PDB file of N, CA and C in Angstrom:
ATOM      1  N   MET A   1     117.912 100.519 113.797  1.00  0.00           N
ATOM      2  CA  MET A   1     117.569 101.908 113.669  1.00  0.00           C
ATOM      3  C   MET A   1     118.121 102.496 112.372  1.00  0.00           C
ATOM      4  N   LYS A   2     119.283 101.971 111.933  1.00  0.00           N
ATOM      5  CA  LYS A   2     119.867 102.462 110.691  1.00  0.00           C
ATOM      6  C   LYS A   2     118.976 102.140 109.496  1.00  0.00           C
ATOM      7  N   ILE A   3     118.269 101.017 109.580  1.00  0.00           N
ATOM      8  CA  ILE A   3     117.380 100.625 108.479  1.00  0.00           C
ATOM      9  C   ILE A   3     116.245 101.627 108.353  1.00  0.00           C
ATOM     10  N   LEU A   4     115.646 102.015 109.481  1.00  0.00           N
ATOM     11  CA  LEU A   4     114.557 102.996 109.440  1.00  0.00           C
ATOM     12  C   LEU A   4     115.041 104.352 108.943  1.00  0.00           C
ATOM     13  N   THR A   5     116.234 104.746 109.338  1.00  0.00           N
ATOM     14  CA  THR A   5     116.787 106.017 108.879  1.00  0.00           C
ATOM     15  C   THR A   5     117.025 105.985 107.373  1.00  0.00           C
ATOM     16  N   GLY A   6     117.582 104.882 106.893  1.00  0.00           N
ATOM     17  CA  GLY A   6     117.818 104.738 105.459  1.00  0.00           C
ATOM     18  C   GLY A   6     116.531 104.688 104.670  1.00  0.00           C
ATOM     19  N   LEU A   7     115.541 103.980 105.200  1.00  0.00           N
ATOM     20  CA  LEU A   7     114.241 103.881 104.540  1.00  0.00           C
ATOM     21  C   LEU A   7     113.544 105.242 104.505  1.00  0.00           C
ATOM     22  N   SER A   8     113.647 105.971 105.597  1.00  0.00           N
ATOM     23  CA  SER A   8     113.058 107.312 105.649  1.00  0.00           C
ATOM     24  C   SER A   8     113.732 108.245 104.650  1.00  0.00           C
ATOM     25  N   ALA A   9     115.050 108.171 104.551  1.00  0.00           N
ATOM     26  CA  ALA A   9     115.779 109.007 103.591  1.00  0.00           C
ATOM     27  C   ALA A   9     115.410 108.637 102.161  1.00  0.00           C
ATOM     28  N   THR A  10     115.219 107.357 101.902  1.00  0.00           N
ATOM     29  CA  THR A  10     114.828 106.909 100.562  1.00  0.00           C
ATOM     30  C   THR A  10     113.451 107.446 100.199  1.00  0.00           C
ATOM     31  N   PHE A  11     112.491 107.343 101.106  1.00  0.00           N
ATOM     32  CA  PHE A  11     111.151 107.862 100.840  1.00  0.00           C
ATOM     33  C   PHE A  11     111.169 109.376 100.661  1.00  0.00           C
ATOM     34  N   ASP A  12     112.003 110.051 101.444  1.00  0.00           N
ATOM     35  CA  ASP A  12     112.127 111.502 101.317  1.00  0.00           C
ATOM     36  C   ASP A  12     112.667 111.876  99.938  1.00  0.00           C
ATOM     37  N   SER A  13     113.672 111.159  99.481  1.00  0.00           N
ATOM     38  CA  SER A  13     114.248 111.427  98.160  1.00  0.00           C
ATOM     39  C   SER A  13     113.246 111.132  97.048  1.00  0.00           C
ATOM     40  N   LEU A  14     112.532 110.021  97.165  1.00  0.00           N
ATOM     41  CA  LEU A  14     111.529 109.683  96.153  1.00  0.00           C
ATOM     42  C   LEU A  14     110.411 110.717  96.108  1.00  0.00           C
ATOM     43  N   THR A  15     110.005 111.206  97.264  1.00  0.00           N
ATOM     44  CA  THR A  15     108.956 112.228  97.310  1.00  0.00           C
ATOM     45  C   THR A  15     109.419 113.504  96.623  1.00  0.00           C
ATOM     46  N   LYS A  16     110.659 113.897  96.847  1.00  0.00           N
ATOM     47  CA  LYS A  16     111.192 115.097  96.207  1.00  0.00           C
ATOM     48  C   LYS A  16     111.256 114.936  94.691  1.00  0.00           C
ATOM     49  N   VAL A  17     111.650 113.757  94.240  1.00  0.00           N
ATOM     50  CA  VAL A  17     111.716 113.509  92.795  1.00  0.00           C
ATOM     51  C   VAL A  17     110.323 113.546  92.182  1.00  0.00           C
ATOM     52  N   ILE A  18     109.356 112.918  92.831  1.00  0.00           N
ATOM     53  CA  ILE A  18     107.988 112.884  92.304  1.00  0.00           C
ATOM     54  C   ILE A  18     107.390 114.282  92.257  1.00  0.00           C
ATOM     55  N   ILE A  19     107.624 115.082  93.288  1.00  0.00           N
ATOM     56  CA  ILE A  19     107.102 116.449  93.295  1.00  0.00           C
ATOM     57  C   ILE A  19     107.757 117.274  92.184  1.00  0.00           C
ATOM     58  N   SER A  20     109.055 117.075  91.966  1.00  0.00           N
ATOM     59  CA  SER A  20     109.742 117.787  90.883  1.00  0.00           C
ATOM     60  C   SER A  20     109.191 117.374  89.524  1.00  0.00           C
ATOM     61  N   LEU A  21     108.974 116.082  89.331  1.00  0.00           N
ATOM     62  CA  LEU A  21     108.407 115.604  88.068  1.00  0.00           C
ATOM     63  C   LEU A  21     106.989 116.113  87.864  1.00  0.00           C
ATOM     64  N   LEU A  22     106.234 116.208  88.936  1.00  0.00           N
ATOM     65  CA  LEU A  22     104.877 116.740  88.840  1.00  0.00           C
ATOM     66  C   LEU A  22     104.903 118.201  88.407  1.00  0.00           C
ATOM     67  N   GLY A  23     105.790 118.979  89.013  1.00  0.00           N
ATOM     68  CA  GLY A  23     105.931 120.384  88.613  1.00  0.00           C
ATOM     69  C   GLY A  23     106.365 120.519  87.167  1.00  0.00           C
ATOM     70  N   LEU A  24     107.316 119.694  86.738  1.00  0.00           N
ATOM     71  CA  LEU A  24     107.757 119.709  85.350  1.00  0.00           C
ATOM     72  C   LEU A  24     106.622 119.314  84.411  1.00  0.00           C
ATOM     73  N   GLY A  25     105.845 118.326  84.812  1.00  0.00           N
ATOM     74  CA  GLY A  25     104.707 117.897  83.995  1.00  0.00           C
ATOM     75  C   GLY A  25     103.667 118.982  83.842  1.00  0.00           C
ATOM     76  N   ILE A  26     103.436 119.740  84.908  1.00  0.00           N
ATOM     77  CA  ILE A  26     102.467 120.843  84.838  1.00  0.00           C
ATOM     78  C   ILE A  26     102.956 121.910  83.863  1.00  0.00           C
ATOM     79  N   VAL A  27     104.225 122.267  83.964  1.00  0.00           N
ATOM     80  CA  VAL A  27     104.767 123.300  83.077  1.00  0.00           C
ATOM     81  C   VAL A  27     104.730 122.833  81.624  1.00  0.00           C
ATOM     82  N   VAL A  28     105.163 121.598  81.371  1.00  0.00           N
ATOM     83  CA  VAL A  28     105.151 121.071  80.007  1.00  0.00           C
ATOM     84  C   VAL A  28     103.725 120.964  79.485  1.00  0.00           C
ATOM     85  N   GLY A  29     102.806 120.549  80.336  1.00  0.00           N
ATOM     86  CA  GLY A  29     101.405 120.442  79.930  1.00  0.00           C
ATOM     87  C   GLY A  29     100.795 121.788  79.585  1.00  0.00           C
ATOM     88  N   LEU A  30     101.165 122.826  80.352  1.00  0.00           N
ATOM     89  CA  LEU A  30     100.634 124.154  80.068  1.00  0.00           C
ATOM     90  C   LEU A  30     101.253 124.754  78.811  1.00  0.00           C
ATOM     91  N   LEU A  31     102.536 124.484  78.586  1.00  0.00           N
ATOM     92  CA  LEU A  31     103.201 125.045  77.412  1.00  0.00           C
ATOM     93  C   LEU A  31     102.891 124.280  76.131  1.00  0.00           C
ATOM     94  N   GLY A  32     102.778 122.962  76.241  1.00  0.00           N
ATOM     95  CA  GLY A  32     102.649 122.156  75.035  1.00  0.00           C
ATOM     96  C   GLY A  32     101.313 121.487  74.839  1.00  0.00           C
ATOM     97  N   GLY A  33     100.378 121.688  75.738  1.00  0.00           N
ATOM     98  CA  GLY A  33      99.083 121.029  75.598  1.00  0.00           C
ATOM     99  C   GLY A  33      99.154 119.583  76.070  1.00  0.00           C
ATOM    100  N   ASN A  34      98.554 118.692  75.311  1.00  0.00           N
ATOM    101  CA  ASN A  34      98.506 117.284  75.682  1.00  0.00           C
ATOM    102  C   ASN A  34      99.718 116.567  75.096  1.00  0.00           C
ATOM    103  N   VAL A  35     100.800 116.522  75.862  1.00  0.00           N
ATOM    104  CA  VAL A  35     102.055 115.931  75.430  1.00  0.00           C
ATOM    105  C   VAL A  35     102.079 114.470  75.870  1.00  0.00           C
ATOM    106  N   PRO A  36     102.555 113.559  75.004  1.00  0.00           N
ATOM    107  CA  PRO A  36     102.638 112.150  75.413  1.00  0.00           C
ATOM    108  C   PRO A  36     103.489 111.979  76.668  1.00  0.00           C
ATOM    109  N   PHE A  37     103.113 111.046  77.499  1.00  0.00           N
ATOM    110  CA  PHE A  37     103.749 110.720  78.778  1.00  0.00           C
ATOM    111  C   PHE A  37     103.548 111.788  79.841  1.00  0.00           C
ATOM    112  N   VAL A  38     102.968 112.902  79.479  1.00  0.00           N
ATOM    113  CA  VAL A  38     102.653 113.934  80.465  1.00  0.00           C
ATOM    114  C   VAL A  38     101.154 113.955  80.697  1.00  0.00           C
ATOM    115  N   GLY A  39     100.400 113.754  79.616  1.00  0.00           N
ATOM    116  CA  GLY A  39      98.954 113.715  79.728  1.00  0.00           C
ATOM    117  C   GLY A  39      98.375 115.073  80.035  1.00  0.00           C
ATOM    118  N   ASP A  40      97.317 115.061  80.776  1.00  0.00           N
ATOM    119  CA  ASP A  40      96.599 116.291  81.075  1.00  0.00           C
ATOM    120  C   ASP A  40      96.655 116.546  82.579  1.00  0.00           C
ATOM    121  N   ILE A  41      97.861 116.762  83.084  1.00  0.00           N
ATOM    122  CA  ILE A  41      98.087 116.902  84.516  1.00  0.00           C
ATOM    123  C   ILE A  41      97.341 118.106  85.079  1.00  0.00           C
ATOM    124  N   ALA A  42      97.346 119.215  84.352  1.00  0.00           N
ATOM    125  CA  ALA A  42      96.720 120.443  84.859  1.00  0.00           C
ATOM    126  C   ALA A  42      95.223 120.232  85.101  1.00  0.00           C
ATOM    127  N   SER A  43      94.536 119.569  84.178  1.00  0.00           N
ATOM    128  CA  SER A  43      93.099 119.353  84.387  1.00  0.00           C
ATOM    129  C   SER A  43      92.846 118.326  85.485  1.00  0.00           C
ATOM    130  N   ASN A  44      93.750 117.367  85.659  1.00  0.00           N
ATOM    131  CA  ASN A  44      93.599 116.411  86.760  1.00  0.00           C
ATOM    132  C   ASN A  44      93.731 117.104  88.105  1.00  0.00           C
ATOM    133  N   ILE A  45      94.686 118.025  88.222  1.00  0.00           N
ATOM    134  CA  ILE A  45      94.850 118.763  89.478  1.00  0.00           C
ATOM    135  C   ILE A  45      93.661 119.689  89.707  1.00  0.00           C
ATOM    136  N   THR A  46      93.168 120.306  88.633  1.00  0.00           N
ATOM    137  CA  THR A  46      91.984 121.156  88.756  1.00  0.00           C
ATOM    138  C   THR A  46      90.788 120.338  89.227  1.00  0.00           C
ATOM    139  N   GLY A  47      90.636 119.141  88.690  1.00  0.00           N
ATOM    140  CA  GLY A  47      89.550 118.254  89.118  1.00  0.00           C
ATOM    141  C   GLY A  47      89.682 117.858  90.572  1.00  0.00           C
ATOM    142  N   LEU A  48      90.920 117.603  91.021  1.00  0.00           N
ATOM    143  CA  LEU A  48      91.153 117.246  92.420  1.00  0.00           C
ATOM    144  C   LEU A  48      90.777 118.404  93.339  1.00  0.00           C
ATOM    145  N   VAL A  49      91.188 119.613  92.971  1.00  0.00           N
ATOM    146  CA  VAL A  49      90.866 120.788  93.786  1.00  0.00           C
ATOM    147  C   VAL A  49      89.360 121.025  93.811  1.00  0.00           C
ATOM    148  N   GLN A  50      88.706 120.843  92.663  1.00  0.00           N
ATOM    149  CA  GLN A  50      87.260 121.032  92.607  1.00  0.00           C
ATOM    150  C   GLN A  50      86.543 119.985  93.463  1.00  0.00           C
ATOM    151  N   THR A  51      87.020 118.752  93.417  1.00  0.00           N
ATOM    152  CA  THR A  51      86.418 117.693  94.231  1.00  0.00           C
ATOM    153  C   THR A  51      86.592 117.991  95.713  1.00  0.00           C
ATOM    154  N   LEU A  52      87.786 118.444  96.101  1.00  0.00           N
ATOM    155  CA  LEU A  52      88.009 118.792  97.503  1.00  0.00           C
ATOM    156  C   LEU A  52      87.151 119.981  97.911  1.00  0.00           C
ATOM    157  N   GLY A  53      86.948 120.927  96.997  1.00  0.00           N
ATOM    158  CA  GLY A  53      86.100 122.083  97.294  1.00  0.00           C
ATOM    159  C   GLY A  53      84.648 121.701  97.452  1.00  0.00           C
ATOM    160  N   ASP A  54      84.178 120.752  96.648  1.00  0.00           N
ATOM    161  CA  ASP A  54      82.790 120.303  96.745  1.00  0.00           C
ATOM    162  C   ASP A  54      82.543 119.492  98.010  1.00  0.00           C
ATOM    163  N   ALA A  55      83.602 118.904  98.567  1.00  0.00           N
ATOM    164  CA  ALA A  55      83.446 118.059  99.745  1.00  0.00           C
ATOM    165  C   ALA A  55      83.308 118.870 101.028  1.00  0.00           C
ATOM    166  N   GLY A  56      83.565 120.162 100.970  1.00  0.00           N
ATOM    167  CA  GLY A  56      83.416 121.011 102.156  1.00  0.00           C
ATOM    168  C   GLY A  56      84.476 120.744 103.194  1.00  0.00           C
ATOM    169  N   ILE A  57      84.063 120.566 104.441  1.00  0.00           N
ATOM    170  CA  ILE A  57      85.001 120.399 105.547  1.00  0.00           C
ATOM    171  C   ILE A  57      85.798 119.108 105.411  1.00  0.00           C
ATOM    172  N   VAL A  58      85.203 118.089 104.845  1.00  0.00           N
ATOM    173  CA  VAL A  58      85.924 116.830 104.639  1.00  0.00           C
ATOM    174  C   VAL A  58      87.059 117.057 103.637  1.00  0.00           C
ATOM    175  N   GLY A  59      86.794 117.861 102.609  1.00  0.00           N
ATOM    176  CA  GLY A  59      87.832 118.201 101.648  1.00  0.00           C
ATOM    177  C   GLY A  59      88.957 118.996 102.281  1.00  0.00           C
ATOM    178  N   LEU A  60      88.615 119.878 103.206  1.00  0.00           N
ATOM    179  CA  LEU A  60      89.619 120.657 103.915  1.00  0.00           C
ATOM    180  C   LEU A  60      90.507 119.749 104.763  1.00  0.00           C
ATOM    181  N   VAL A  61      89.895 118.813 105.458  1.00  0.00           N
ATOM    182  CA  VAL A  61      90.659 117.863 106.271  1.00  0.00           C
ATOM    183  C   VAL A  61      91.551 117.006 105.370  1.00  0.00           C
ATOM    184  N   ALA A  62      91.025 116.559 104.227  1.00  0.00           N
ATOM    185  CA  ALA A  62      91.824 115.765 103.300  1.00  0.00           C
ATOM    186  C   ALA A  62      92.995 116.574 102.761  1.00  0.00           C
ATOM    187  N   ALA A  63      92.771 117.844 102.449  1.00  0.00           N
ATOM    188  CA  ALA A  63      93.845 118.704 101.959  1.00  0.00           C
ATOM    189  C   ALA A  63      94.920 118.891 103.017  1.00  0.00           C
ATOM    190  N   ILE A  64      94.516 119.044 104.273  1.00  0.00           N
ATOM    191  CA  ILE A  64      95.483 119.190 105.361  1.00  0.00           C
ATOM    192  C   ILE A  64      96.308 117.921 105.518  1.00  0.00           C
ATOM    193  N   ILE A  65      95.671 116.776 105.409  1.00  0.00           N
ATOM    194  CA  ILE A  65      96.390 115.504 105.503  1.00  0.00           C
ATOM    195  C   ILE A  65      97.373 115.356 104.350  1.00  0.00           C
ATOM    196  N   ILE A  66      96.946 115.704 103.136  1.00  0.00           N
ATOM    197  CA  ILE A  66      97.827 115.613 101.966  1.00  0.00           C
ATOM    198  C   ILE A  66      99.019 116.543 102.124  1.00  0.00           C
ATOM    199  N   LEU A  67      98.764 117.773 102.587  1.00  0.00           N
ATOM    200  CA  LEU A  67      99.868 118.712 102.790  1.00  0.00           C
ATOM    201  C   LEU A  67     100.807 118.249 103.897  1.00  0.00           C
ATOM    202  N   GLY A  68     100.278 117.509 104.858  1.00  0.00           N
ATOM    203  CA  GLY A  68     101.120 116.961 105.932  1.00  0.00           C
ATOM    204  C   GLY A  68     102.144 115.974 105.410  1.00  0.00           C
ATOM    205  N   PHE A  69     101.845 115.297 104.316  1.00  0.00           N
ATOM    206  CA  PHE A  69     102.797 114.353 103.732  1.00  0.00           C
ATOM    207  C   PHE A  69     103.996 115.072 103.129  1.00  0.00           C
ATOM    208  N   TYR A  70     103.835 116.327 102.725  1.00  0.00           N
ATOM    209  CA  TYR A  70     104.914 117.053 102.073  1.00  0.00           C
ATOM    210  C   TYR A  70     105.864 117.738 103.040  1.00  0.00           C
ATOM    211  N   LYS A  71     105.546 117.725 104.315  1.00  0.00           N
ATOM    212  CA  LYS A  71     106.417 118.377 105.303  1.00  0.00           C
ATOM    213  C   LYS A  71     107.400 117.422 105.891  1.00  0.00           C
TER     214      LYS A  71
END
């Protein structure tokens, strides 16, 4: 059971780091344009939102599932 707890804590920490890096990448991308190693994160997220919007109810279900991973 300790292994599962440790593994869960590791995934939780990695998720927090990735979300923080994503937020930092968005801010740097908006302030500096197309910065190396950051790329065009803002347009990729816009494309993802547009794709989910075009998918209708399936996009809504996918968005709910994605948001479920962050809780």
